[in-house]
PDB file of all heavy atoms in Angstrom:
ATOM      1  N   PRO A   1     -50.227  26.070 -13.557  1.00  0.00           N
ATOM      2  CA  PRO A   1     -51.128  26.861 -14.400  1.00  0.00           C
ATOM      3  C   PRO A   1     -52.359  27.395 -13.675  1.00  0.00           C
ATOM      4  O   PRO A   1     -53.114  28.184 -14.254  1.00  0.00           O
ATOM      5  CB  PRO A   1     -51.560  25.857 -15.490  1.00  0.00           C
ATOM      6  CG  PRO A   1     -50.601  24.736 -15.419  1.00  0.00           C
ATOM      7  CD  PRO A   1     -50.162  24.665 -14.000  1.00  0.00           C
ATOM      8  N   ALA A   2     -52.571  26.983 -12.428  1.00  0.00           N
ATOM      9  CA  ALA A   2     -53.802  27.331 -11.725  1.00  0.00           C
ATOM     10  C   ALA A   2     -53.716  28.658 -10.983  1.00  0.00           C
ATOM     11  O   ALA A   2     -54.661  29.038 -10.299  1.00  0.00           O
ATOM     12  CB  ALA A   2     -54.168  26.220 -10.741  1.00  0.00           C
ATOM     13  N   SER A   3     -52.597  29.376 -11.099  1.00  0.00           N
ATOM     14  CA  SER A   3     -52.470  30.630 -10.357  1.00  0.00           C
ATOM     15  C   SER A   3     -51.580  31.600 -11.122  1.00  0.00           C
ATOM     16  O   SER A   3     -50.822  31.214 -12.016  1.00  0.00           O
ATOM     17  CB  SER A   3     -51.887  30.376  -8.955  1.00  0.00           C
ATOM     18  OG  SER A   3     -50.611  29.775  -9.052  1.00  0.00           O
ATOM     19  N   SER A   4     -51.676  32.864 -10.748  1.00  0.00           N
ATOM     20  CA  SER A   4     -50.867  33.902 -11.374  1.00  0.00           C
ATOM     21  C   SER A   4     -50.524  34.950 -10.325  1.00  0.00           C
ATOM     22  O   SER A   4     -51.202  35.036  -9.287  1.00  0.00           O
ATOM     23  CB  SER A   4     -51.638  34.540 -12.537  1.00  0.00           C
ATOM     24  OG  SER A   4     -50.834  35.482 -13.231  1.00  0.00           O
ATOM     25  N   TRP A   5     -49.473  35.744 -10.569  1.00  0.00           N
ATOM     26  CA  TRP A   5     -49.062  36.731  -9.577  1.00  0.00           C
ATOM     27  C   TRP A   5     -48.729  38.071 -10.219  1.00  0.00           C
ATOM     28  O   TRP A   5     -48.410  38.161 -11.396  1.00  0.00           O
ATOM     29  CB  TRP A   5     -47.858  36.239  -8.769  1.00  0.00           C
ATOM     30  CG  TRP A   5     -46.566  36.142  -9.538  1.00  0.00           C
ATOM     31  CD1 TRP A   5     -46.083  35.060 -10.223  1.00  0.00           C
ATOM     32  CD2 TRP A   5     -45.576  37.169  -9.711  1.00  0.00           C
ATOM     33  NE1 TRP A   5     -44.879  35.337 -10.796  1.00  0.00           N
ATOM     34  CE2 TRP A   5     -44.541  36.636 -10.500  1.00  0.00           C
ATOM     35  CE3 TRP A   5     -45.475  38.493  -9.276  1.00  0.00           C
ATOM     36  CZ2 TRP A   5     -43.418  37.367 -10.851  1.00  0.00           C
ATOM     37  CZ3 TRP A   5     -44.354  39.233  -9.639  1.00  0.00           C
ATOM     38  CH2 TRP A   5     -43.333  38.669 -10.408  1.00  0.00           C
ATOM     39  N   ARG A   6     -48.825  39.106  -9.418  1.00  0.00           N
ATOM     40  CA  ARG A   6     -48.413  40.458  -9.778  1.00  0.00           C
ATOM     41  C   ARG A   6     -47.870  41.149  -8.528  1.00  0.00           C
ATOM     42  O   ARG A   6     -48.237  40.790  -7.410  1.00  0.00           O
ATOM     43  CB  ARG A   6     -49.585  41.292 -10.313  1.00  0.00           C
ATOM     44  CG  ARG A   6     -50.230  40.773 -11.577  1.00  0.00           C
ATOM     45  CD  ARG A   6     -49.351  40.951 -12.804  1.00  0.00           C
ATOM     46  NE  ARG A   6     -50.073  40.602 -14.018  1.00  0.00           N
ATOM     47  CZ  ARG A   6     -50.182  39.372 -14.515  1.00  0.00           C
ATOM     48  NH1 ARG A   6     -49.638  38.344 -13.854  1.00  0.00           N
ATOM     49  NH2 ARG A   6     -50.849  39.137 -15.633  1.00  0.00           N
ATOM     50  N   VAL A   7     -47.007  42.124  -8.723  1.00  0.00           N
ATOM     51  CA  VAL A   7     -46.589  43.006  -7.627  1.00  0.00           C
ATOM     52  C   VAL A   7     -47.332  44.322  -7.798  1.00  0.00           C
ATOM     53  O   VAL A   7     -47.323  44.907  -8.884  1.00  0.00           O
ATOM     54  CB  VAL A   7     -45.063  43.245  -7.642  1.00  0.00           C
ATOM     55  CG1 VAL A   7     -44.685  44.318  -6.622  1.00  0.00           C
ATOM     56  CG2 VAL A   7     -44.320  41.956  -7.324  1.00  0.00           C
ATOM     57  N   VAL A   8     -48.008  44.782  -6.757  1.00  0.00           N
ATOM     58  CA  VAL A   8     -48.778  46.023  -6.829  1.00  0.00           C
ATOM     59  C   VAL A   8     -48.195  47.041  -5.857  1.00  0.00           C
ATOM     60  O   VAL A   8     -47.673  46.685  -4.799  1.00  0.00           O
ATOM     61  CB  VAL A   8     -50.272  45.793  -6.505  1.00  0.00           C
ATOM     62  CG1 VAL A   8     -50.893  44.821  -7.478  1.00  0.00           C
ATOM     63  CG2 VAL A   8     -50.466  45.306  -5.085  1.00  0.00           C
ATOM     64  N   ARG A   9     -48.263  48.283  -6.267  1.00  0.00           N
ATOM     65  CA  ARG A   9     -47.885  49.393  -5.393  1.00  0.00           C
ATOM     66  C   ARG A   9     -49.178  50.087  -4.971  1.00  0.00           C
ATOM     67  O   ARG A   9     -49.967  50.510  -5.807  1.00  0.00           O
ATOM     68  CB  ARG A   9     -46.979  50.380  -6.134  1.00  0.00           C
ATOM     69  CG  ARG A   9     -46.551  51.576  -5.296  1.00  0.00           C
ATOM     70  CD  ARG A   9     -45.671  52.515  -6.082  1.00  0.00           C
ATOM     71  NE  ARG A   9     -44.445  51.857  -6.500  1.00  0.00           N
ATOM     72  CZ  ARG A   9     -43.513  52.440  -7.260  1.00  0.00           C
ATOM     73  NH1 ARG A   9     -43.697  53.676  -7.711  1.00  0.00           N
ATOM     74  NH2 ARG A   9     -42.428  51.781  -7.598  1.00  0.00           N
ATOM     75  N   TRP A  10     -49.371  50.205  -3.655  1.00  0.00           N
ATOM     76  CA  TRP A  10     -50.624  50.762  -3.164  1.00  0.00           C
ATOM     77  C   TRP A  10     -50.676  52.270  -3.408  1.00  0.00           C
ATOM     78  O   TRP A  10     -49.681  52.966  -3.219  1.00  0.00           O
ATOM     79  CB  TRP A  10     -50.794  50.486  -1.669  1.00  0.00           C
ATOM     80  CG  TRP A  10     -50.834  49.039  -1.311  1.00  0.00           C
ATOM     81  CD1 TRP A  10     -49.921  48.357  -0.574  1.00  0.00           C
ATOM     82  CD2 TRP A  10     -51.837  48.086  -1.681  1.00  0.00           C
ATOM     83  NE1 TRP A  10     -50.288  47.030  -0.451  1.00  0.00           N
ATOM     84  CE2 TRP A  10     -51.464  46.840  -1.127  1.00  0.00           C
ATOM     85  CE3 TRP A  10     -53.007  48.162  -2.424  1.00  0.00           C
ATOM     86  CZ2 TRP A  10     -52.214  45.695  -1.277  1.00  0.00           C
ATOM     87  CZ3 TRP A  10     -53.763  47.005  -2.591  1.00  0.00           C
ATOM     88  CH2 TRP A  10     -53.373  45.807  -2.022  1.00  0.00           C
ATOM     89  N   PRO A  11     -51.844  52.795  -3.801  1.00  0.00           N
ATOM     90  CA  PRO A  11     -51.980  54.246  -3.964  1.00  0.00           C
ATOM     91  C   PRO A  11     -51.939  54.946  -2.611  1.00  0.00           C
ATOM     92  O   PRO A  11     -52.133  54.324  -1.565  1.00  0.00           O
ATOM     93  CB  PRO A  11     -53.352  54.399  -4.632  1.00  0.00           C
ATOM     94  CG  PRO A  11     -54.103  53.175  -4.237  1.00  0.00           C
ATOM     95  CD  PRO A  11     -53.080  52.075  -4.121  1.00  0.00           C
ATOM     96  N   GLN A  12     -51.691  56.228  -2.643  1.00  0.00           N
ATOM     97  CA  GLN A  12     -51.592  57.051  -1.426  1.00  0.00           C
ATOM     98  C   GLN A  12     -50.495  56.550  -0.471  1.00  0.00           C
ATOM     99  O   GLN A  12     -50.498  56.876   0.711  1.00  0.00           O
ATOM    100  CB  GLN A  12     -52.931  57.099  -0.650  1.00  0.00           C
ATOM    101  CG  GLN A  12     -54.027  57.886  -1.359  1.00  0.00           C
ATOM    102  CD  GLN A  12     -54.774  57.043  -2.379  1.00  0.00           C
ATOM    103  OE1 GLN A  12     -55.147  55.901  -2.096  1.00  0.00           O
ATOM    104  NE2 GLN A  12     -55.000  57.583  -3.558  1.00  0.00           N
ATOM    105  N   ALA A  13     -49.589  55.731  -1.019  1.00  0.00           N
ATOM    106  CA  ALA A  13     -48.427  55.278  -0.237  1.00  0.00           C
ATOM    107  C   ALA A  13     -48.823  54.649   1.087  1.00  0.00           C
ATOM    108  O   ALA A  13     -48.139  54.795   2.098  1.00  0.00           O
ATOM    109  CB  ALA A  13     -47.458  56.446   0.005  1.00  0.00           C
ATOM    110  N   ARG A  14     -49.927  53.916   1.110  1.00  0.00           N
ATOM    111  CA  ARG A  14     -50.319  53.230   2.339  1.00  0.00           C
ATOM    112  C   ARG A  14     -51.075  51.958   1.982  1.00  0.00           C
ATOM    113  O   ARG A  14     -51.673  51.854   0.913  1.00  0.00           O
ATOM    114  CB  ARG A  14     -51.205  54.127   3.212  1.00  0.00           C
ATOM    115  CG  ARG A  14     -52.513  54.527   2.549  1.00  0.00           C
ATOM    116  CD  ARG A  14     -53.403  55.373   3.447  1.00  0.00           C
ATOM    117  NE  ARG A  14     -54.620  55.783   2.774  1.00  0.00           N
ATOM    118  CZ  ARG A  14     -55.692  55.009   2.635  1.00  0.00           C
ATOM    119  NH1 ARG A  14     -55.688  53.781   3.141  1.00  0.00           N
ATOM    120  NH2 ARG A  14     -56.770  55.441   1.999  1.00  0.00           N
ATOM    121  N   MET A  15     -51.045  51.014   2.903  1.00  0.00           N
ATOM    122  CA  MET A  15     -51.757  49.766   2.722  1.00  0.00           C
ATOM    123  C   MET A  15     -53.243  49.986   2.991  1.00  0.00           C
ATOM    124  O   MET A  15     -53.612  50.493   4.045  1.00  0.00           O
ATOM    125  CB  MET A  15     -51.213  48.717   3.683  1.00  0.00           C
ATOM    126  CG  MET A  15     -51.749  47.325   3.460  1.00  0.00           C
ATOM    127  SD  MET A  15     -50.931  46.489   2.083  1.00  0.00           S
ATOM    128  CE  MET A  15     -49.327  46.137   2.816  1.00  0.00           C
ATOM    129  N   PRO A  16     -54.133  49.666   2.054  1.00  0.00           N
ATOM    130  CA  PRO A  16     -55.570  49.858   2.293  1.00  0.00           C
ATOM    131  C   PRO A  16     -56.086  48.905   3.362  1.00  0.00           C
ATOM    132  O   PRO A  16     -55.510  47.838   3.601  1.00  0.00           O
ATOM    133  CB  PRO A  16     -56.194  49.553   0.935  1.00  0.00           C
ATOM    134  CG  PRO A  16     -55.215  48.669   0.249  1.00  0.00           C
ATOM    135  CD  PRO A  16     -53.863  49.091   0.729  1.00  0.00           C
ATOM    136  N   GLU A  17     -57.201  49.293   4.009  1.00  0.00           N
ATOM    137  CA  GLU A  17     -57.784  48.456   5.052  1.00  0.00           C
ATOM    138  C   GLU A  17     -58.281  47.131   4.485  1.00  0.00           C
ATOM    139  O   GLU A  17     -58.172  46.085   5.121  1.00  0.00           O
ATOM    140  CB  GLU A  17     -58.937  49.202   5.736  1.00  0.00           C
ATOM    141  CG  GLU A  17     -58.491  50.417   6.538  1.00  0.00           C
ATOM    142  CD  GLU A  17     -59.639  51.082   7.246  1.00  0.00           C
ATOM    143  OE1 GLU A  17     -60.759  50.536   7.185  1.00  0.00           O
ATOM    144  OE2 GLU A  17     -59.425  52.134   7.882  1.00  0.00           O
ATOM    145  N   ASN A  18     -58.847  47.172   3.295  1.00  0.00           N
ATOM    146  CA  ASN A  18     -59.346  45.955   2.646  1.00  0.00           C
ATOM    147  C   ASN A  18     -58.623  45.791   1.311  1.00  0.00           C
ATOM    148  O   ASN A  18     -59.081  46.270   0.281  1.00  0.00           O
ATOM    149  CB  ASN A  18     -60.859  46.025   2.442  1.00  0.00           C
ATOM    150  CG  ASN A  18     -61.457  44.687   2.040  1.00  0.00           C
ATOM    151  OD1 ASN A  18     -60.779  43.846   1.433  1.00  0.00           O
ATOM    152  ND2 ASN A  18     -62.714  44.475   2.366  1.00  0.00           N
ATOM    153  N   GLY A  19     -57.453  45.134   1.381  1.00  0.00           N
ATOM    154  CA  GLY A  19     -56.629  45.004   0.184  1.00  0.00           C
ATOM    155  C   GLY A  19     -57.299  44.217  -0.920  1.00  0.00           C
ATOM    156  O   GLY A  19     -57.167  44.552  -2.103  1.00  0.00           O
ATOM    157  N   ARG A  20     -58.040  43.175  -0.559  1.00  0.00           N
ATOM    158  CA  ARG A  20     -58.672  42.346  -1.584  1.00  0.00           C
ATOM    159  C   ARG A  20     -59.743  43.130  -2.347  1.00  0.00           C
ATOM    160  O   ARG A  20     -59.849  43.024  -3.566  1.00  0.00           O
ATOM    161  CB  ARG A  20     -59.269  41.092  -0.945  1.00  0.00           C
ATOM    162  CG  ARG A  20     -58.218  40.092  -0.477  1.00  0.00           C
ATOM    163  CD  ARG A  20     -58.848  38.870   0.167  1.00  0.00           C
ATOM    164  NE  ARG A  20     -57.849  37.871   0.511  1.00  0.00           N
ATOM    165  CZ  ARG A  20     -57.142  37.897   1.626  1.00  0.00           C
ATOM    166  NH1 ARG A  20     -57.320  38.891   2.489  1.00  0.00           N
ATOM    167  NH2 ARG A  20     -56.238  36.953   1.875  1.00  0.00           N
ATOM    168  N   ALA A  21     -60.535  43.921  -1.623  1.00  0.00           N
ATOM    169  CA  ALA A  21     -61.566  44.726  -2.290  1.00  0.00           C
ATOM    170  C   ALA A  21     -60.927  45.757  -3.205  1.00  0.00           C
ATOM    171  O   ALA A  21     -61.401  45.998  -4.330  1.00  0.00           O
ATOM    172  CB  ALA A  21     -62.446  45.408  -1.242  1.00  0.00           C
ATOM    173  N   GLU A  22     -59.830  46.359  -2.747  1.00  0.00           N
ATOM    174  CA  GLU A  22     -59.116  47.340  -3.569  1.00  0.00           C
ATOM    175  C   GLU A  22     -58.591  46.703  -4.842  1.00  0.00           C
ATOM    176  O   GLU A  22     -58.672  47.273  -5.932  1.00  0.00           O
ATOM    177  CB  GLU A  22     -57.956  47.922  -2.753  1.00  0.00           C
ATOM    178  CG  GLU A  22     -57.063  48.890  -3.505  1.00  0.00           C
ATOM    179  CD  GLU A  22     -57.643  50.293  -3.600  1.00  0.00           C
ATOM    180  OE1 GLU A  22     -58.562  50.607  -2.824  1.00  0.00           O
ATOM    181  OE2 GLU A  22     -57.170  51.056  -4.459  1.00  0.00           O
ATOM    182  N   LEU A  23     -58.073  45.496  -4.717  1.00  0.00           N
ATOM    183  CA  LEU A  23     -57.530  44.801  -5.877  1.00  0.00           C
ATOM    184  C   LEU A  23     -58.614  44.471  -6.892  1.00  0.00           C
ATOM    185  O   LEU A  23     -58.402  44.579  -8.101  1.00  0.00           O
ATOM    186  CB  LEU A  23     -56.819  43.519  -5.433  1.00  0.00           C
ATOM    187  CG  LEU A  23     -55.496  43.734  -4.696  1.00  0.00           C
ATOM    188  CD1 LEU A  23     -55.047  42.437  -4.055  1.00  0.00           C
ATOM    189  CD2 LEU A  23     -54.431  44.254  -5.655  1.00  0.00           C
ATOM    190  N   ARG A  24     -59.771  44.064  -6.411  1.00  0.00           N
ATOM    191  CA  ARG A  24     -60.858  43.728  -7.338  1.00  0.00           C
ATOM    192  C   ARG A  24     -61.331  44.971  -8.089  1.00  0.00           C
ATOM    193  O   ARG A  24     -61.752  44.891  -9.236  1.00  0.00           O
ATOM    194  CB  ARG A  24     -61.999  43.047  -6.583  1.00  0.00           C
ATOM    195  CG  ARG A  24     -61.644  41.627  -6.136  1.00  0.00           C
ATOM    196  CD  ARG A  24     -62.847  40.847  -5.621  1.00  0.00           C
ATOM    197  NE  ARG A  24     -62.523  39.432  -5.500  1.00  0.00           N
ATOM    198  CZ  ARG A  24     -62.136  38.848  -4.364  1.00  0.00           C
ATOM    199  NH1 ARG A  24     -62.029  39.570  -3.266  1.00  0.00           N
ATOM    200  NH2 ARG A  24     -61.855  37.556  -4.334  1.00  0.00           N
TER     201      ARG A  24
END
C-alpha cells in the first residue's frame, strides 16, 4: 500500500532531461 505506479508517454516523443520535474 505504500506505493503506486503509472505508465507515462513523454510529450514531444522524447525523454525529458529532468523526468522527475516533468512528472511533478
